[in-house]
């Protein structure tokens, strides 16, 4: 394992329209001590041929690993297994970085060597509407570097403060937690972040240096089969932990807040699938008082016709924050 190299893992499945943009954003980084591991997860649209053209020009930078289609989690885990670097960066094939992204991550690493996750603010770009939103944690409205006092509090009370294409994690920590769960159609990334944040602080830069594209072709969050489980994977993981063996970094109150947040998300998924009864039942179990604004928003989402809800959200969402989850 090379302490100077950042291993960049790009899972690839039928992203011929976007992969060049992602690779270009890596190759133009101001920090150049990295390797790129593209995990071709059984693409059928010629995506791997585009990677091969880049590989010819950058044979020392890029490695292409082909495997049968097994899903994004296994693709990322394959990359982790082959990674040579001490730090592992993740970049989805339809996302991109600003040139200073890796340099900023190295700066965060030097400033906060004990952190379990290194992340920056990011832009969310909607390919369909062309709308671009800045997602920036409220503790830092300027491009400063800091530690989250609580990742659980940040994600529960605001929009998602970090996303997969905007984080870097030490390889030894990924190995410790076993990488990404492979049996989940969605949410495997959030589960891993929560496991790590339970024990380690999250280092953060408020400058938006990554762009997450949504509503792109063949986005795995769109194509994943929608299934809602009555179980909360993080709650099951938490129940199996013993804080006396290894103390939690997070407080019990913040953990309970996050569990309530997950119940709101579960209620939203039930409502989306048309099961209003289970949605209301899940919402009742979200008991932490600070989750009330999102709980109200989810309740309105469940009981109101979608046309009425969208009008209400447009009018009130900025003020009540009910739309930050929905």
C-alpha atoms as a PDB file:
ATOM      1  CA  UNK A   1       0.000   0.000   0.000  1.00  0.00           C
ATOM      2  CA  UNK A   2       1.446   3.350  -1.105  1.00  0.00           C
ATOM      3  CA  UNK A   3       0.766   6.204   1.326  1.00  0.00           C
ATOM      4  CA  UNK A   4       1.243   8.829  -1.411  1.00  0.00           C
ATOM      5  CA  UNK A   5      -1.195   7.413  -3.937  1.00  0.00           C
ATOM      6  CA  UNK A   6      -4.936   7.984  -3.998  1.00  0.00           C
ATOM      7  CA  UNK A   7      -6.798   5.099  -5.608  1.00  0.00           C
ATOM      8  CA  UNK A   8      -9.806   6.338  -7.575  1.00  0.00           C
ATOM      9  CA  UNK A   9     -12.544   3.765  -8.132  1.00  0.00           C
ATOM     10  CA  UNK A  10     -14.990   4.312 -10.997  1.00  0.00           C
ATOM     11  CA  UNK A  11     -17.747   1.674 -11.359  1.00  0.00           C
ATOM     12  CA  UNK A  12     -18.867   1.520 -14.977  1.00  0.00           C
ATOM     13  CA  UNK A  13     -22.064   0.115 -16.407  1.00  0.00           C
ATOM     14  CA  UNK A  14     -23.385   1.462 -19.726  1.00  0.00           C
ATOM     15  CA  UNK A  15     -22.206   5.042 -19.246  1.00  0.00           C
ATOM     16  CA  UNK A  16     -20.690   5.672 -22.692  1.00  0.00           C
ATOM     17  CA  UNK A  17     -22.279   9.147 -22.734  1.00  0.00           C
ATOM     18  CA  UNK A  18     -20.540  10.251 -19.538  1.00  0.00           C
ATOM     19  CA  UNK A  19     -17.362   8.282 -18.799  1.00  0.00           C
ATOM     20  CA  UNK A  20     -15.093  10.599 -20.804  1.00  0.00           C
ATOM     21  CA  UNK A  21     -16.269  13.566 -18.724  1.00  0.00           C
ATOM     22  CA  UNK A  22     -15.514  11.714 -15.501  1.00  0.00           C
ATOM     23  CA  UNK A  23     -12.039  10.634 -16.657  1.00  0.00           C
ATOM     24  CA  UNK A  24     -11.192  14.107 -17.945  1.00  0.00           C
ATOM     25  CA  UNK A  25     -12.080  15.586 -14.556  1.00  0.00           C
ATOM     26  CA  UNK A  26      -9.584  13.216 -12.909  1.00  0.00           C
ATOM     27  CA  UNK A  27      -6.767  13.648 -15.413  1.00  0.00           C
ATOM     28  CA  UNK A  28      -6.866  17.448 -14.999  1.00  0.00           C
ATOM     29  CA  UNK A  29      -6.454  17.346 -11.205  1.00  0.00           C
ATOM     30  CA  UNK A  30      -3.828  19.606  -9.675  1.00  0.00           C
ATOM     31  CA  UNK A  31      -2.761  16.632  -7.520  1.00  0.00           C
ATOM     32  CA  UNK A  32      -1.416  13.933  -9.813  1.00  0.00           C
ATOM     33  CA  UNK A  33      -0.260  11.111  -7.529  1.00  0.00           C
ATOM     34  CA  UNK A  34      -3.135   8.729  -8.098  1.00  0.00           C
ATOM     35  CA  UNK A  35      -4.273   5.589  -9.883  1.00  0.00           C
ATOM     36  CA  UNK A  36      -7.622   5.154 -11.634  1.00  0.00           C
ATOM     37  CA  UNK A  37      -9.367   1.798 -11.349  1.00  0.00           C
ATOM     38  CA  UNK A  38     -12.303   1.537 -13.753  1.00  0.00           C
ATOM     39  CA  UNK A  39     -14.453  -1.484 -12.898  1.00  0.00           C
ATOM     40  CA  UNK A  40     -16.400  -2.387 -16.011  1.00  0.00           C
ATOM     41  CA  UNK A  41     -19.452  -4.147 -14.591  1.00  0.00           C
ATOM     42  CA  UNK A  42     -20.538  -5.945 -17.754  1.00  0.00           C
ATOM     43  CA  UNK A  43     -21.265  -2.901 -19.939  1.00  0.00           C
ATOM     44  CA  UNK A  44     -22.969  -3.600 -23.266  1.00  0.00           C
ATOM     45  CA  UNK A  45     -22.876  -0.120 -24.831  1.00  0.00           C
ATOM     46  CA  UNK A  46     -19.161   0.109 -25.614  1.00  0.00           C
ATOM     47  CA  UNK A  47     -18.289   2.098 -22.501  1.00  0.00           C
ATOM     48  CA  UNK A  48     -15.146   0.031 -21.967  1.00  0.00           C
ATOM     49  CA  UNK A  49     -13.860   0.982 -25.433  1.00  0.00           C
ATOM     50  CA  UNK A  50     -13.855   4.634 -24.430  1.00  0.00           C
ATOM     51  CA  UNK A  51     -11.854   3.718 -21.329  1.00  0.00           C
ATOM     52  CA  UNK A  52      -9.397   1.738 -23.479  1.00  0.00           C
ATOM     53  CA  UNK A  53      -8.739   4.824 -25.604  1.00  0.00           C
ATOM     54  CA  UNK A  54      -7.823   6.742 -22.435  1.00  0.00           C
ATOM     55  CA  UNK A  55      -5.763   3.816 -21.178  1.00  0.00           C
ATOM     56  CA  UNK A  56      -3.571   3.918 -24.298  1.00  0.00           C
ATOM     57  CA  UNK A  57      -2.640   7.521 -23.541  1.00  0.00           C
ATOM     58  CA  UNK A  58      -2.337   7.020 -19.766  1.00  0.00           C
ATOM     59  CA  UNK A  59      -1.131   3.433 -19.227  1.00  0.00           C
ATOM     60  CA  UNK A  60       0.483   4.227 -15.875  1.00  0.00           C
ATOM     61  CA  UNK A  61      -2.586   6.000 -14.528  1.00  0.00           C
ATOM     62  CA  UNK A  62      -5.516   3.840 -15.604  1.00  0.00           C
ATOM     63  CA  UNK A  63      -6.373   0.194 -14.968  1.00  0.00           C
ATOM     64  CA  UNK A  64      -9.456  -1.382 -16.549  1.00  0.00           C
ATOM     65  CA  UNK A  65     -10.944  -4.362 -14.716  1.00  0.00           C
ATOM     66  CA  UNK A  66     -13.729  -6.291 -16.450  1.00  0.00           C
ATOM     67  CA  UNK A  67     -16.290  -8.394 -14.613  1.00  0.00           C
ATOM     68  CA  UNK A  68     -19.768  -9.777 -15.186  1.00  0.00           C
ATOM     69  CA  UNK A  69     -22.593  -7.469 -14.173  1.00  0.00           C
ATOM     70  CA  UNK A  70     -22.982  -7.775 -10.402  1.00  0.00           C
ATOM     71  CA  UNK A  71     -24.104  -4.320  -9.334  1.00  0.00           C
ATOM     72  CA  UNK A  72     -22.434  -1.131  -8.184  1.00  0.00           C
ATOM     73  CA  UNK A  73     -21.583  -2.321  -4.651  1.00  0.00           C
ATOM     74  CA  UNK A  74     -19.615  -5.348  -5.841  1.00  0.00           C
ATOM     75  CA  UNK A  75     -17.945  -3.217  -8.511  1.00  0.00           C
ATOM     76  CA  UNK A  76     -16.742  -0.769  -5.869  1.00  0.00           C
ATOM     77  CA  UNK A  77     -15.617  -3.618  -3.613  1.00  0.00           C
ATOM     78  CA  UNK A  78     -13.621  -5.073  -6.516  1.00  0.00           C
ATOM     79  CA  UNK A  79     -11.901  -1.721  -6.860  1.00  0.00           C
ATOM     80  CA  UNK A  80     -11.121  -1.586  -3.142  1.00  0.00           C
ATOM     81  CA  UNK A  81      -9.591  -5.067  -3.331  1.00  0.00           C
ATOM     82  CA  UNK A  82      -7.221  -4.050  -6.152  1.00  0.00           C
ATOM     83  CA  UNK A  83      -6.412  -0.563  -4.842  1.00  0.00           C
ATOM     84  CA  UNK A  84      -2.776   0.248  -4.074  1.00  0.00           C
ATOM     85  CA  UNK A  85      -3.336   3.582  -2.357  1.00  0.00           C
ATOM     86  CA  UNK A  86      -3.763   4.435   1.302  1.00  0.00           C
ATOM     87  CA  UNK A  87      -6.763   6.605   0.439  1.00  0.00           C
ATOM     88  CA  UNK A  88      -9.714   5.448  -1.681  1.00  0.00           C
ATOM     89  CA  UNK A  89     -11.746   7.960  -3.701  1.00  0.00           C
ATOM     90  CA  UNK A  90     -15.040   7.094  -5.356  1.00  0.00           C
ATOM     91  CA  UNK A  91     -16.297   8.678  -8.556  1.00  0.00           C
ATOM     92  CA  UNK A  92     -19.436   7.534 -10.352  1.00  0.00           C
ATOM     93  CA  UNK A  93     -19.033   7.364 -14.118  1.00  0.00           C
ATOM     94  CA  UNK A  94     -21.579  10.158 -14.704  1.00  0.00           C
ATOM     95  CA  UNK A  95     -20.159  12.548 -12.085  1.00  0.00           C
ATOM     96  CA  UNK A  96     -17.139  14.857 -12.128  1.00  0.00           C
ATOM     97  CA  UNK A  97     -14.636  16.786  -9.980  1.00  0.00           C
ATOM     98  CA  UNK A  98     -13.227  20.288  -9.988  1.00  0.00           C
ATOM     99  CA  UNK A  99      -9.428  20.376 -10.619  1.00  0.00           C
ATOM    100  CA  UNK A 100      -8.614  21.110  -6.960  1.00  0.00           C
ATOM    101  CA  UNK A 101     -10.645  18.245  -5.517  1.00  0.00           C
ATOM    102  CA  UNK A 102      -7.844  15.767  -4.740  1.00  0.00           C
ATOM    103  CA  UNK A 103      -5.479  18.504  -3.578  1.00  0.00           C
ATOM    104  CA  UNK A 104      -8.145  19.631  -1.107  1.00  0.00           C
ATOM    105  CA  UNK A 105      -8.654  16.073   0.126  1.00  0.00           C
ATOM    106  CA  UNK A 106      -4.913  15.765   0.802  1.00  0.00           C
ATOM    107  CA  UNK A 107      -5.061  19.025   2.744  1.00  0.00           C
ATOM    108  CA  UNK A 108      -7.950  17.659   4.831  1.00  0.00           C
ATOM    109  CA  UNK A 109      -6.025  14.449   5.452  1.00  0.00           C
ATOM    110  CA  UNK A 110      -2.988  16.361   6.707  1.00  0.00           C
ATOM    111  CA  UNK A 111      -5.124  18.562   8.940  1.00  0.00           C
ATOM    112  CA  UNK A 112      -7.345  15.783  10.336  1.00  0.00           C
ATOM    113  CA  UNK A 113      -5.392  12.490  10.149  1.00  0.00           C
ATOM    114  CA  UNK A 114      -7.771  10.696  12.544  1.00  0.00           C
ATOM    115  CA  UNK A 115     -10.890  11.250  10.423  1.00  0.00           C
ATOM    116  CA  UNK A 116     -12.682   8.286   8.873  1.00  0.00           C
ATOM    117  CA  UNK A 117     -14.159  10.177   5.924  1.00  0.00           C
ATOM    118  CA  UNK A 118     -12.921  13.193   3.939  1.00  0.00           C
ATOM    119  CA  UNK A 119     -15.530  15.111   1.950  1.00  0.00           C
ATOM    120  CA  UNK A 120     -16.361  18.385   0.246  1.00  0.00           C
ATOM    121  CA  UNK A 121     -19.522  20.303  -0.525  1.00  0.00           C
ATOM    122  CA  UNK A 122     -20.930  19.535  -3.960  1.00  0.00           C
ATOM    123  CA  UNK A 123     -23.236  20.619  -6.736  1.00  0.00           C
ATOM    124  CA  UNK A 124     -26.267  18.573  -7.712  1.00  0.00           C
ATOM    125  CA  UNK A 125     -26.897  18.929 -11.442  1.00  0.00           C
ATOM    126  CA  UNK A 126     -30.168  17.758 -12.972  1.00  0.00           C
ATOM    127  CA  UNK A 127     -29.562  16.629 -16.545  1.00  0.00           C
ATOM    128  CA  UNK A 128     -33.269  16.784 -17.375  1.00  0.00           C
ATOM    129  CA  UNK A 129     -34.055  20.288 -16.113  1.00  0.00           C
ATOM    130  CA  UNK A 130     -30.576  21.819 -16.248  1.00  0.00           C
ATOM    131  CA  UNK A 131     -31.033  23.005 -12.658  1.00  0.00           C
ATOM    132  CA  UNK A 132     -27.879  23.250 -10.535  1.00  0.00           C
ATOM    133  CA  UNK A 133     -28.089  23.233  -6.728  1.00  0.00           C
ATOM    134  CA  UNK A 134     -25.324  23.830  -4.212  1.00  0.00           C
ATOM    135  CA  UNK A 135     -25.388  21.263  -1.395  1.00  0.00           C
ATOM    136  CA  UNK A 136     -23.344  22.715   1.434  1.00  0.00           C
ATOM    137  CA  UNK A 137     -23.473  21.882   5.116  1.00  0.00           C
ATOM    138  CA  UNK A 138     -24.742  24.815   7.165  1.00  0.00           C
ATOM    139  CA  UNK A 139     -21.787  24.861   9.598  1.00  0.00           C
ATOM    140  CA  UNK A 140     -19.578  26.261   6.889  1.00  0.00           C
ATOM    141  CA  UNK A 141     -20.969  28.728   4.365  1.00  0.00           C
ATOM    142  CA  UNK A 142     -17.468  29.603   3.199  1.00  0.00           C
ATOM    143  CA  UNK A 143     -14.779  27.315   1.739  1.00  0.00           C
ATOM    144  CA  UNK A 144     -13.353  26.450   5.143  1.00  0.00           C
ATOM    145  CA  UNK A 145     -12.132  23.106   6.475  1.00  0.00           C
ATOM    146  CA  UNK A 146     -13.556  21.585   9.629  1.00  0.00           C
ATOM    147  CA  UNK A 147     -14.797  18.440  11.351  1.00  0.00           C
ATOM    148  CA  UNK A 148     -18.511  17.722  11.603  1.00  0.00           C
ATOM    149  CA  UNK A 149     -19.548  17.862  15.222  1.00  0.00           C
ATOM    150  CA  UNK A 150     -22.002  15.142  14.174  1.00  0.00           C
ATOM    151  CA  UNK A 151     -22.478  13.593  10.746  1.00  0.00           C
ATOM    152  CA  UNK A 152     -25.720  12.015  11.971  1.00  0.00           C
ATOM    153  CA  UNK A 153     -27.108  15.379  12.985  1.00  0.00           C
ATOM    154  CA  UNK A 154     -26.016  16.956   9.690  1.00  0.00           C
ATOM    155  CA  UNK A 155     -27.756  14.397   7.478  1.00  0.00           C
ATOM    156  CA  UNK A 156     -30.858  14.173   9.660  1.00  0.00           C
ATOM    157  CA  UNK A 157     -31.587  17.911   9.778  1.00  0.00           C
ATOM    158  CA  UNK A 158     -30.469  19.031   6.331  1.00  0.00           C
ATOM    159  CA  UNK A 159     -29.887  17.742   2.826  1.00  0.00           C
ATOM    160  CA  UNK A 160     -27.308  14.968   2.444  1.00  0.00           C
ATOM    161  CA  UNK A 161     -24.032  16.709   3.396  1.00  0.00           C
ATOM    162  CA  UNK A 162     -21.832  14.206   1.555  1.00  0.00           C
ATOM    163  CA  UNK A 163     -22.267  11.973  -1.494  1.00  0.00           C
ATOM    164  CA  UNK A 164     -20.342   9.073  -2.981  1.00  0.00           C
ATOM    165  CA  UNK A 165     -18.509  11.026  -5.682  1.00  0.00           C
ATOM    166  CA  UNK A 166     -17.412  13.618  -3.131  1.00  0.00           C
ATOM    167  CA  UNK A 167     -15.744  11.500  -0.456  1.00  0.00           C
ATOM    168  CA  UNK A 168     -12.427   9.769   0.186  1.00  0.00           C
ATOM    169  CA  UNK A 169     -11.909   7.057   2.824  1.00  0.00           C
ATOM    170  CA  UNK A 170      -8.700   5.430   4.149  1.00  0.00           C
ATOM    171  CA  UNK A 171      -8.382   1.901   2.778  1.00  0.00           C
ATOM    172  CA  UNK A 172      -7.770   0.412   6.218  1.00  0.00           C
ATOM    173  CA  UNK A 173     -11.139   1.768   7.374  1.00  0.00           C
ATOM    174  CA  UNK A 174     -12.935   0.362   4.335  1.00  0.00           C
ATOM    175  CA  UNK A 175     -11.301  -2.999   5.045  1.00  0.00           C
ATOM    176  CA  UNK A 176     -12.363  -2.769   8.686  1.00  0.00           C
ATOM    177  CA  UNK A 177     -16.034  -2.262   7.810  1.00  0.00           C
ATOM    178  CA  UNK A 178     -16.088  -4.717   4.923  1.00  0.00           C
ATOM    179  CA  UNK A 179     -16.811  -2.254   2.131  1.00  0.00           C
ATOM    180  CA  UNK A 180     -20.276  -1.894   0.608  1.00  0.00           C
ATOM    181  CA  UNK A 181     -23.203  -4.216   1.351  1.00  0.00           C
ATOM    182  CA  UNK A 182     -23.947  -6.101  -1.859  1.00  0.00           C
ATOM    183  CA  UNK A 183     -27.540  -7.125  -1.191  1.00  0.00           C
ATOM    184  CA  UNK A 184     -29.064  -3.647  -1.129  1.00  0.00           C
ATOM    185  CA  UNK A 185     -30.677  -2.131  -4.258  1.00  0.00           C
ATOM    186  CA  UNK A 186     -30.265   1.365  -2.798  1.00  0.00           C
ATOM    187  CA  UNK A 187     -28.709   2.992   0.273  1.00  0.00           C
ATOM    188  CA  UNK A 188     -25.563   0.852   0.439  1.00  0.00           C
ATOM    189  CA  UNK A 189     -23.434   4.004   0.450  1.00  0.00           C
ATOM    190  CA  UNK A 190     -25.380   5.691   3.271  1.00  0.00           C
ATOM    191  CA  UNK A 191     -25.131   2.547   5.370  1.00  0.00           C
ATOM    192  CA  UNK A 192     -21.339   2.486   5.022  1.00  0.00           C
ATOM    193  CA  UNK A 193     -20.993   6.196   5.826  1.00  0.00           C
ATOM    194  CA  UNK A 194     -23.113   5.691   8.963  1.00  0.00           C
ATOM    195  CA  UNK A 195     -21.043   2.717  10.118  1.00  0.00           C
ATOM    196  CA  UNK A 196     -17.852   4.741   9.796  1.00  0.00           C
ATOM    197  CA  UNK A 197     -19.290   7.929  11.340  1.00  0.00           C
ATOM    198  CA  UNK A 198     -20.416   5.933  14.355  1.00  0.00           C
ATOM    199  CA  UNK A 199     -16.741   5.577  15.323  1.00  0.00           C
ATOM    200  CA  UNK A 200     -14.805   8.279  13.413  1.00  0.00           C
ATOM    201  CA  UNK A 201     -15.192  12.009  12.735  1.00  0.00           C
ATOM    202  CA  UNK A 202     -15.925  13.300   9.238  1.00  0.00           C
ATOM    203  CA  UNK A 203     -13.570  15.970   7.839  1.00  0.00           C
ATOM    204  CA  UNK A 204     -15.228  18.459   5.524  1.00  0.00           C
ATOM    205  CA  UNK A 205     -14.443  21.316   3.159  1.00  0.00           C
ATOM    206  CA  UNK A 206     -17.256  23.754   2.398  1.00  0.00           C
ATOM    207  CA  UNK A 207     -16.025  24.497  -1.115  1.00  0.00           C
ATOM    208  CA  UNK A 208     -18.098  22.635  -3.758  1.00  0.00           C
ATOM    209  CA  UNK A 209     -15.502  20.590  -5.633  1.00  0.00           C
ATOM    210  CA  UNK A 210     -17.629  17.692  -6.912  1.00  0.00           C
ATOM    211  CA  UNK A 211     -20.698  17.560  -9.132  1.00  0.00           C
ATOM    212  CA  UNK A 212     -23.318  14.848  -8.792  1.00  0.00           C
ATOM    213  CA  UNK A 213     -25.429  14.482 -11.934  1.00  0.00           C
ATOM    214  CA  UNK A 214     -28.977  13.232 -11.410  1.00  0.00           C
ATOM    215  CA  UNK A 215     -31.577  11.940 -13.864  1.00  0.00           C
ATOM    216  CA  UNK A 216     -28.842  10.690 -16.163  1.00  0.00           C
ATOM    217  CA  UNK A 217     -29.257   7.706 -18.472  1.00  0.00           C
ATOM    218  CA  UNK A 218     -29.028   4.366 -16.682  1.00  0.00           C
ATOM    219  CA  UNK A 219     -28.568   5.924 -13.253  1.00  0.00           C
ATOM    220  CA  UNK A 220     -28.493   2.995 -10.801  1.00  0.00           C
ATOM    221  CA  UNK A 221     -30.701   4.888  -8.337  1.00  0.00           C
ATOM    222  CA  UNK A 222     -33.372   5.096 -11.012  1.00  0.00           C
ATOM    223  CA  UNK A 223     -32.970   1.602 -12.413  1.00  0.00           C
ATOM    224  CA  UNK A 224     -32.675  -0.179  -9.036  1.00  0.00           C
ATOM    225  CA  UNK A 225     -35.767  -2.202  -8.291  1.00  0.00           C
ATOM    226  CA  UNK A 226     -37.733  -0.350  -5.664  1.00  0.00           C
ATOM    227  CA  UNK A 227     -38.054  -2.465  -2.551  1.00  0.00           C
ATOM    228  CA  UNK A 228     -38.982  -1.274   0.911  1.00  0.00           C
ATOM    229  CA  UNK A 229     -37.930  -3.428   3.851  1.00  0.00           C
ATOM    230  CA  UNK A 230     -39.466  -3.279   7.286  1.00  0.00           C
ATOM    231  CA  UNK A 231     -35.944  -3.638   8.668  1.00  0.00           C
ATOM    232  CA  UNK A 232     -33.537  -0.717   9.068  1.00  0.00           C
ATOM    233  CA  UNK A 233     -30.056  -2.089   8.185  1.00  0.00           C
ATOM    234  CA  UNK A 234     -28.201   0.477  10.285  1.00  0.00           C
ATOM    235  CA  UNK A 235     -30.383  -0.282  13.301  1.00  0.00           C
ATOM    236  CA  UNK A 236     -29.527  -3.966  12.940  1.00  0.00           C
ATOM    237  CA  UNK A 237     -25.840  -3.111  12.681  1.00  0.00           C
ATOM    238  CA  UNK A 238     -26.067  -0.842  15.726  1.00  0.00           C
ATOM    239  CA  UNK A 239     -27.736  -3.556  17.801  1.00  0.00           C
ATOM    240  CA  UNK A 240     -24.776  -5.848  17.161  1.00  0.00           C
ATOM    241  CA  UNK A 241     -22.212  -3.299  18.376  1.00  0.00           C
ATOM    242  CA  UNK A 242     -20.766  -2.967  21.861  1.00  0.00           C
ATOM    243  CA  UNK A 243     -19.670   0.580  22.668  1.00  0.00           C
ATOM    244  CA  UNK A 244     -17.665  -0.736  25.606  1.00  0.00           C
ATOM    245  CA  UNK A 245     -15.353  -2.588  23.210  1.00  0.00           C
ATOM    246  CA  UNK A 246     -14.844   0.496  21.038  1.00  0.00           C
ATOM    247  CA  UNK A 247     -16.416   3.795  22.155  1.00  0.00           C
ATOM    248  CA  UNK A 248     -18.769   5.516  19.716  1.00  0.00           C
ATOM    249  CA  UNK A 249     -17.739   8.892  18.342  1.00  0.00           C
ATOM    250  CA  UNK A 250     -21.408   9.849  18.049  1.00  0.00           C
ATOM    251  CA  UNK A 251     -23.625  10.641  21.042  1.00  0.00           C
ATOM    252  CA  UNK A 252     -26.672   8.523  21.778  1.00  0.00           C
ATOM    253  CA  UNK A 253     -28.993  11.471  21.107  1.00  0.00           C
ATOM    254  CA  UNK A 254     -27.561  11.989  17.616  1.00  0.00           C
ATOM    255  CA  UNK A 255     -27.814   8.265  16.919  1.00  0.00           C
ATOM    256  CA  UNK A 256     -31.489   8.271  17.939  1.00  0.00           C
ATOM    257  CA  UNK A 257     -32.075  11.326  15.754  1.00  0.00           C
ATOM    258  CA  UNK A 258     -30.558   9.496  12.786  1.00  0.00           C
ATOM    259  CA  UNK A 259     -32.688   6.408  13.412  1.00  0.00           C
ATOM    260  CA  UNK A 260     -35.787   8.620  13.365  1.00  0.00           C
ATOM    261  CA  UNK A 261     -34.582  10.140  10.116  1.00  0.00           C
ATOM    262  CA  UNK A 262     -34.244   6.671   8.605  1.00  0.00           C
ATOM    263  CA  UNK A 263     -37.839   5.917   9.629  1.00  0.00           C
ATOM    264  CA  UNK A 264     -39.003   9.046   7.779  1.00  0.00           C
ATOM    265  CA  UNK A 265     -37.129   7.861   4.707  1.00  0.00           C
ATOM    266  CA  UNK A 266     -38.721   4.436   5.079  1.00  0.00           C
ATOM    267  CA  UNK A 267     -42.173   6.028   5.344  1.00  0.00           C
ATOM    268  CA  UNK A 268     -41.484   8.005   2.184  1.00  0.00           C
ATOM    269  CA  UNK A 269     -40.516   4.835   0.314  1.00  0.00           C
ATOM    270  CA  UNK A 270     -43.683   3.052   1.437  1.00  0.00           C
ATOM    271  CA  UNK A 271     -45.759   6.023   0.281  1.00  0.00           C
ATOM    272  CA  UNK A 272     -43.957   6.050  -3.066  1.00  0.00           C
ATOM    273  CA  UNK A 273     -44.803   2.387  -3.567  1.00  0.00           C
ATOM    274  CA  UNK A 274     -48.469   3.051  -2.713  1.00  0.00           C
ATOM    275  CA  UNK A 275     -48.632   1.476   0.764  1.00  0.00           C
ATOM    276  CA  UNK A 276     -50.099   4.324   2.790  1.00  0.00           C
ATOM    277  CA  UNK A 277     -50.820   2.167   5.848  1.00  0.00           C
ATOM    278  CA  UNK A 278     -47.218   1.033   6.263  1.00  0.00           C
ATOM    279  CA  UNK A 279     -46.001   4.560   5.504  1.00  0.00           C
ATOM    280  CA  UNK A 280     -48.006   6.011   8.379  1.00  0.00           C
ATOM    281  CA  UNK A 281     -46.897   3.193  10.688  1.00  0.00           C
ATOM    282  CA  UNK A 282     -43.235   3.846   9.904  1.00  0.00           C
ATOM    283  CA  UNK A 283     -43.698   7.584  10.386  1.00  0.00           C
ATOM    284  CA  UNK A 284     -45.144   7.074  13.874  1.00  0.00           C
ATOM    285  CA  UNK A 285     -41.907   5.343  14.929  1.00  0.00           C
ATOM    286  CA  UNK A 286     -39.849   8.457  14.064  1.00  0.00           C
ATOM    287  CA  UNK A 287     -40.038   9.903  17.574  1.00  0.00           C
ATOM    288  CA  UNK A 288     -37.073  12.255  17.945  1.00  0.00           C
ATOM    289  CA  UNK A 289     -38.455  15.820  18.420  1.00  0.00           C
ATOM    290  CA  UNK A 290     -35.929  17.443  16.072  1.00  0.00           C
ATOM    291  CA  UNK A 291     -37.142  15.357  13.135  1.00  0.00           C
ATOM    292  CA  UNK A 292     -40.612  16.960  13.321  1.00  0.00           C
ATOM    293  CA  UNK A 293     -40.256  19.275  10.250  1.00  0.00           C
ATOM    294  CA  UNK A 294     -39.347  16.360   7.994  1.00  0.00           C
ATOM    295  CA  UNK A 295     -41.985  14.227   9.654  1.00  0.00           C
ATOM    296  CA  UNK A 296     -44.618  16.842   8.808  1.00  0.00           C
ATOM    297  CA  UNK A 297     -43.365  17.014   5.249  1.00  0.00           C
ATOM    298  CA  UNK A 298     -43.562  13.254   4.873  1.00  0.00           C
ATOM    299  CA  UNK A 299     -47.069  13.158   6.372  1.00  0.00           C
ATOM    300  CA  UNK A 300     -48.260  15.704   3.810  1.00  0.00           C
ATOM    301  CA  UNK A 301     -46.588  13.645   1.090  1.00  0.00           C
ATOM    302  CA  UNK A 302     -48.515  10.586   2.261  1.00  0.00           C
ATOM    303  CA  UNK A 303     -51.991  12.085   2.650  1.00  0.00           C
ATOM    304  CA  UNK A 304     -52.164  14.807  -0.017  1.00  0.00           C
ATOM    305  CA  UNK A 305     -52.630  14.326  -3.760  1.00  0.00           C
ATOM    306  CA  UNK A 306     -49.259  14.760  -5.442  1.00  0.00           C
ATOM    307  CA  UNK A 307     -50.400  17.836  -7.380  1.00  0.00           C
ATOM    308  CA  UNK A 308     -51.449  19.589  -4.164  1.00  0.00           C
ATOM    309  CA  UNK A 309     -48.301  18.502  -2.338  1.00  0.00           C
ATOM    310  CA  UNK A 310     -46.026  19.925  -5.037  1.00  0.00           C
ATOM    311  CA  UNK A 311     -47.815  23.273  -4.890  1.00  0.00           C
ATOM    312  CA  UNK A 312     -47.540  23.346  -1.088  1.00  0.00           C
ATOM    313  CA  UNK A 313     -43.869  22.362  -1.217  1.00  0.00           C
ATOM    314  CA  UNK A 314     -43.097  25.084  -3.738  1.00  0.00           C
ATOM    315  CA  UNK A 315     -44.732  27.682  -1.495  1.00  0.00           C
ATOM    316  CA  UNK A 316     -43.515  26.561   1.922  1.00  0.00           C
ATOM    317  CA  UNK A 317     -40.541  24.247   1.422  1.00  0.00           C
ATOM    318  CA  UNK A 318     -37.879  26.936   1.720  1.00  0.00           C
ATOM    319  CA  UNK A 319     -39.237  27.999   5.084  1.00  0.00           C
ATOM    320  CA  UNK A 320     -40.350  24.776   6.758  1.00  0.00           C
ATOM    321  CA  UNK A 321     -37.544  22.566   5.376  1.00  0.00           C
ATOM    322  CA  UNK A 322     -40.157  19.883   4.763  1.00  0.00           C
ATOM    323  CA  UNK A 323     -38.743  19.292   1.314  1.00  0.00           C
ATOM    324  CA  UNK A 324     -35.200  18.431   2.335  1.00  0.00           C
ATOM    325  CA  UNK A 325     -36.019  14.733   2.558  1.00  0.00           C
ATOM    326  CA  UNK A 326     -38.695  14.385  -0.094  1.00  0.00           C
END
